[in-house]
Amino acid sequence: MYLKRVALFALLSVFSLAAFARPSFAQTQQTNPVEERLRALQDSLTFLEQRLAKDIDDLMWFRLLDDIADIDKVRYTGPPPRVIPNPTGQGAGNPVIITAYTFMPKSLS
């Protein structure tokens, strides 16, 4: 019973400290425009880095398997989601785009 109380107290302490660590709405409104721009640029660079890493990984797979198979990356669309939470929202009803790899062994072609 004692351990349950200690664990509960520790858990509540962590949640209360996390609540105090979050900036309030008024504090987030007073940020410097330069800092906002730098944060946006950093997010853009992170996204670009991840995209380039994925493209390089795809090319490495294509080169490694080039001797034994013909490989291609294709995109096809599926139906729109069955349940749309906000039917008037931007992009509502757009089809789902799925990326797939095709693999055809060279012995069959």
C-alpha atoms as a PDB file:
ATOM      1  CA  MET A   1       0.000   0.000   0.000  1.00  0.00           C
ATOM      2  CA  TYR A   2       2.871   2.335   0.828  1.00  0.00           C
ATOM      3  CA  LEU A   3       4.474   1.781  -2.584  1.00  0.00           C
ATOM      4  CA  LYS A   4       1.188   2.604  -4.329  1.00  0.00           C
ATOM      5  CA  ARG A   5       0.953   5.903  -2.460  1.00  0.00           C
ATOM      6  CA  VAL A   6       4.565   6.787  -3.282  1.00  0.00           C
ATOM      7  CA  ALA A   7       4.043   5.925  -6.950  1.00  0.00           C
ATOM      8  CA  LEU A   8       0.845   7.967  -7.076  1.00  0.00           C
ATOM      9  CA  PHE A   9       2.556  10.926  -5.414  1.00  0.00           C
ATOM     10  CA  ALA A  10       5.479  10.710  -7.864  1.00  0.00           C
ATOM     11  CA  LEU A  11       3.134  10.533 -10.827  1.00  0.00           C
ATOM     12  CA  LEU A  12       1.113  13.541  -9.665  1.00  0.00           C
ATOM     13  CA  SER A  13       4.333  15.472  -9.018  1.00  0.00           C
ATOM     14  CA  VAL A  14       5.573  14.851 -12.550  1.00  0.00           C
ATOM     15  CA  PHE A  15       2.264  15.961 -14.065  1.00  0.00           C
ATOM     16  CA  SER A  16       2.131  19.098 -11.955  1.00  0.00           C
ATOM     17  CA  LEU A  17       5.708  20.031 -12.888  1.00  0.00           C
ATOM     18  CA  ALA A  18       4.921  19.472 -16.565  1.00  0.00           C
ATOM     19  CA  ALA A  19       1.937  21.811 -16.272  1.00  0.00           C
ATOM     20  CA  PHE A  20       4.124  24.549 -14.801  1.00  0.00           C
ATOM     21  CA  ALA A  21       6.810  24.048 -17.432  1.00  0.00           C
ATOM     22  CA  ARG A  22       4.425  24.759 -20.323  1.00  0.00           C
ATOM     23  CA  PRO A  23       4.303  28.373 -21.456  1.00  0.00           C
ATOM     24  CA  SER A  24       0.943  30.059 -21.165  1.00  0.00           C
ATOM     25  CA  PHE A  25      -0.959  31.430 -24.150  1.00  0.00           C
ATOM     26  CA  ALA A  26       0.127  34.995 -23.294  1.00  0.00           C
ATOM     27  CA  GLN A  27       3.790  33.967 -23.201  1.00  0.00           C
ATOM     28  CA  THR A  28       3.590  32.289 -26.595  1.00  0.00           C
ATOM     29  CA  GLN A  29       2.055  35.416 -28.138  1.00  0.00           C
ATOM     30  CA  GLN A  30       5.024  37.564 -27.067  1.00  0.00           C
ATOM     31  CA  THR A  31       7.668  35.646 -29.050  1.00  0.00           C
ATOM     32  CA  ASN A  32      10.109  37.418 -31.264  1.00  0.00           C
ATOM     33  CA  PRO A  33       9.282  37.251 -35.015  1.00  0.00           C
ATOM     34  CA  VAL A  34      12.917  36.407 -35.752  1.00  0.00           C
ATOM     35  CA  GLU A  35      12.727  33.417 -33.394  1.00  0.00           C
ATOM     36  CA  GLU A  36       9.511  32.256 -35.076  1.00  0.00           C
ATOM     37  CA  ARG A  37      11.148  32.518 -38.495  1.00  0.00           C
ATOM     38  CA  LEU A  38      14.207  30.595 -37.313  1.00  0.00           C
ATOM     39  CA  ARG A  39      11.995  27.873 -35.827  1.00  0.00           C
ATOM     40  CA  ALA A  40      10.070  27.605 -39.118  1.00  0.00           C
ATOM     41  CA  LEU A  41      13.323  27.374 -41.076  1.00  0.00           C
ATOM     42  CA  GLN A  42      14.616  24.707 -38.729  1.00  0.00           C
ATOM     43  CA  ASP A  43      11.429  22.678 -39.194  1.00  0.00           C
ATOM     44  CA  SER A  44      11.724  23.047 -42.974  1.00  0.00           C
ATOM     45  CA  LEU A  45      15.344  21.899 -42.929  1.00  0.00           C
ATOM     46  CA  THR A  46      14.468  18.912 -40.763  1.00  0.00           C
ATOM     47  CA  PHE A  47      11.717  17.913 -43.196  1.00  0.00           C
ATOM     48  CA  LEU A  48      14.066  18.336 -46.163  1.00  0.00           C
ATOM     49  CA  GLU A  49      16.759  16.263 -44.457  1.00  0.00           C
ATOM     50  CA  GLN A  50      14.295  13.433 -43.804  1.00  0.00           C
ATOM     51  CA  ARG A  51      13.054  13.559 -47.394  1.00  0.00           C
ATOM     52  CA  LEU A  52      16.596  13.416 -48.784  1.00  0.00           C
ATOM     53  CA  ALA A  53      17.489  10.528 -46.477  1.00  0.00           C
ATOM     54  CA  LYS A  54      14.433   8.597 -47.734  1.00  0.00           C
ATOM     55  CA  ASP A  55      15.313   9.300 -51.382  1.00  0.00           C
ATOM     56  CA  ILE A  56      18.909   8.174 -50.820  1.00  0.00           C
ATOM     57  CA  ASP A  57      17.677   5.030 -49.087  1.00  0.00           C
ATOM     58  CA  ASP A  58      15.405   4.260 -52.053  1.00  0.00           C
ATOM     59  CA  LEU A  59      18.269   4.742 -54.508  1.00  0.00           C
ATOM     60  CA  MET A  60      20.512   2.464 -52.460  1.00  0.00           C
ATOM     61  CA  TRP A  61      17.874  -0.293 -52.551  1.00  0.00           C
ATOM     62  CA  PHE A  62      17.442   0.147 -56.304  1.00  0.00           C
ATOM     63  CA  ARG A  63      21.217  -0.093 -56.864  1.00  0.00           C
ATOM     64  CA  LEU A  64      21.674  -3.086 -54.548  1.00  0.00           C
ATOM     65  CA  LEU A  65      18.930  -5.101 -56.225  1.00  0.00           C
ATOM     66  CA  ASP A  66      19.620  -3.884 -59.762  1.00  0.00           C
ATOM     67  CA  ASP A  67      21.432  -7.104 -60.734  1.00  0.00           C
ATOM     68  CA  ILE A  68      18.592  -9.450 -59.807  1.00  0.00           C
ATOM     69  CA  ALA A  69      15.384  -7.482 -60.309  1.00  0.00           C
ATOM     70  CA  ASP A  70      13.643  -4.553 -61.925  1.00  0.00           C
ATOM     71  CA  ILE A  71      12.356  -2.330 -59.132  1.00  0.00           C
ATOM     72  CA  ASP A  72      10.134   0.708 -59.375  1.00  0.00           C
ATOM     73  CA  LYS A  73       8.333   2.971 -56.929  1.00  0.00           C
ATOM     74  CA  VAL A  74       4.705   3.660 -57.801  1.00  0.00           C
ATOM     75  CA  ARG A  75       1.929   5.766 -56.266  1.00  0.00           C
ATOM     76  CA  TYR A  76      -1.720   4.898 -56.555  1.00  0.00           C
ATOM     77  CA  THR A  77      -4.859   6.330 -55.078  1.00  0.00           C
ATOM     78  CA  GLY A  78      -7.391   4.582 -52.942  1.00  0.00           C
ATOM     79  CA  PRO A  79     -10.902   5.630 -52.095  1.00  0.00           C
ATOM     80  CA  PRO A  80     -11.485   8.575 -49.776  1.00  0.00           C
ATOM     81  CA  PRO A  81     -11.933   7.765 -46.083  1.00  0.00           C
ATOM     82  CA  ARG A  82     -15.233   6.090 -45.207  1.00  0.00           C
ATOM     83  CA  VAL A  83     -15.958   8.463 -42.329  1.00  0.00           C
ATOM     84  CA  ILE A  84     -15.002  12.116 -42.720  1.00  0.00           C
ATOM     85  CA  PRO A  85     -15.095  13.958 -39.365  1.00  0.00           C
ATOM     86  CA  ASN A  86     -15.435  17.394 -40.992  1.00  0.00           C
ATOM     87  CA  PRO A  87     -16.999  17.050 -44.466  1.00  0.00           C
ATOM     88  CA  THR A  88     -16.675  20.768 -45.192  1.00  0.00           C
ATOM     89  CA  GLY A  89     -13.018  20.995 -44.134  1.00  0.00           C
ATOM     90  CA  GLN A  90     -10.116  21.619 -46.455  1.00  0.00           C
ATOM     91  CA  GLY A  91      -9.108  18.395 -48.201  1.00  0.00           C
ATOM     92  CA  ALA A  92     -12.197  16.488 -47.091  1.00  0.00           C
ATOM     93  CA  GLY A  93     -12.991  13.705 -49.514  1.00  0.00           C
ATOM     94  CA  ASN A  94      -9.500  13.585 -51.043  1.00  0.00           C
ATOM     95  CA  PRO A  95      -8.393  10.080 -51.995  1.00  0.00           C
ATOM     96  CA  VAL A  96      -5.699   8.319 -50.012  1.00  0.00           C
ATOM     97  CA  ILE A  97      -2.344   8.198 -51.862  1.00  0.00           C
ATOM     98  CA  ILE A  98      -0.383   4.982 -51.291  1.00  0.00           C
ATOM     99  CA  THR A  99       3.258   4.467 -52.249  1.00  0.00           C
ATOM    100  CA  ALA A 100       4.437   0.966 -53.136  1.00  0.00           C
ATOM    101  CA  TYR A 101       7.487  -0.734 -54.599  1.00  0.00           C
ATOM    102  CA  THR A 102       7.214  -3.116 -57.519  1.00  0.00           C
ATOM    103  CA  PHE A 103       9.668  -6.009 -57.679  1.00  0.00           C
ATOM    104  CA  MET A 104      10.013  -8.095 -60.856  1.00  0.00           C
ATOM    105  CA  PRO A 105      12.812 -10.691 -60.863  1.00  0.00           C
ATOM    106  CA  LYS A 106      14.997 -10.477 -63.969  1.00  0.00           C
ATOM    107  CA  SER A 107      14.714 -14.230 -64.481  1.00  0.00           C
ATOM    108  CA  LEU A 108      11.011 -13.748 -65.296  1.00  0.00           C
ATOM    109  CA  SER A 109      11.413 -10.793 -67.664  1.00  0.00           C
END
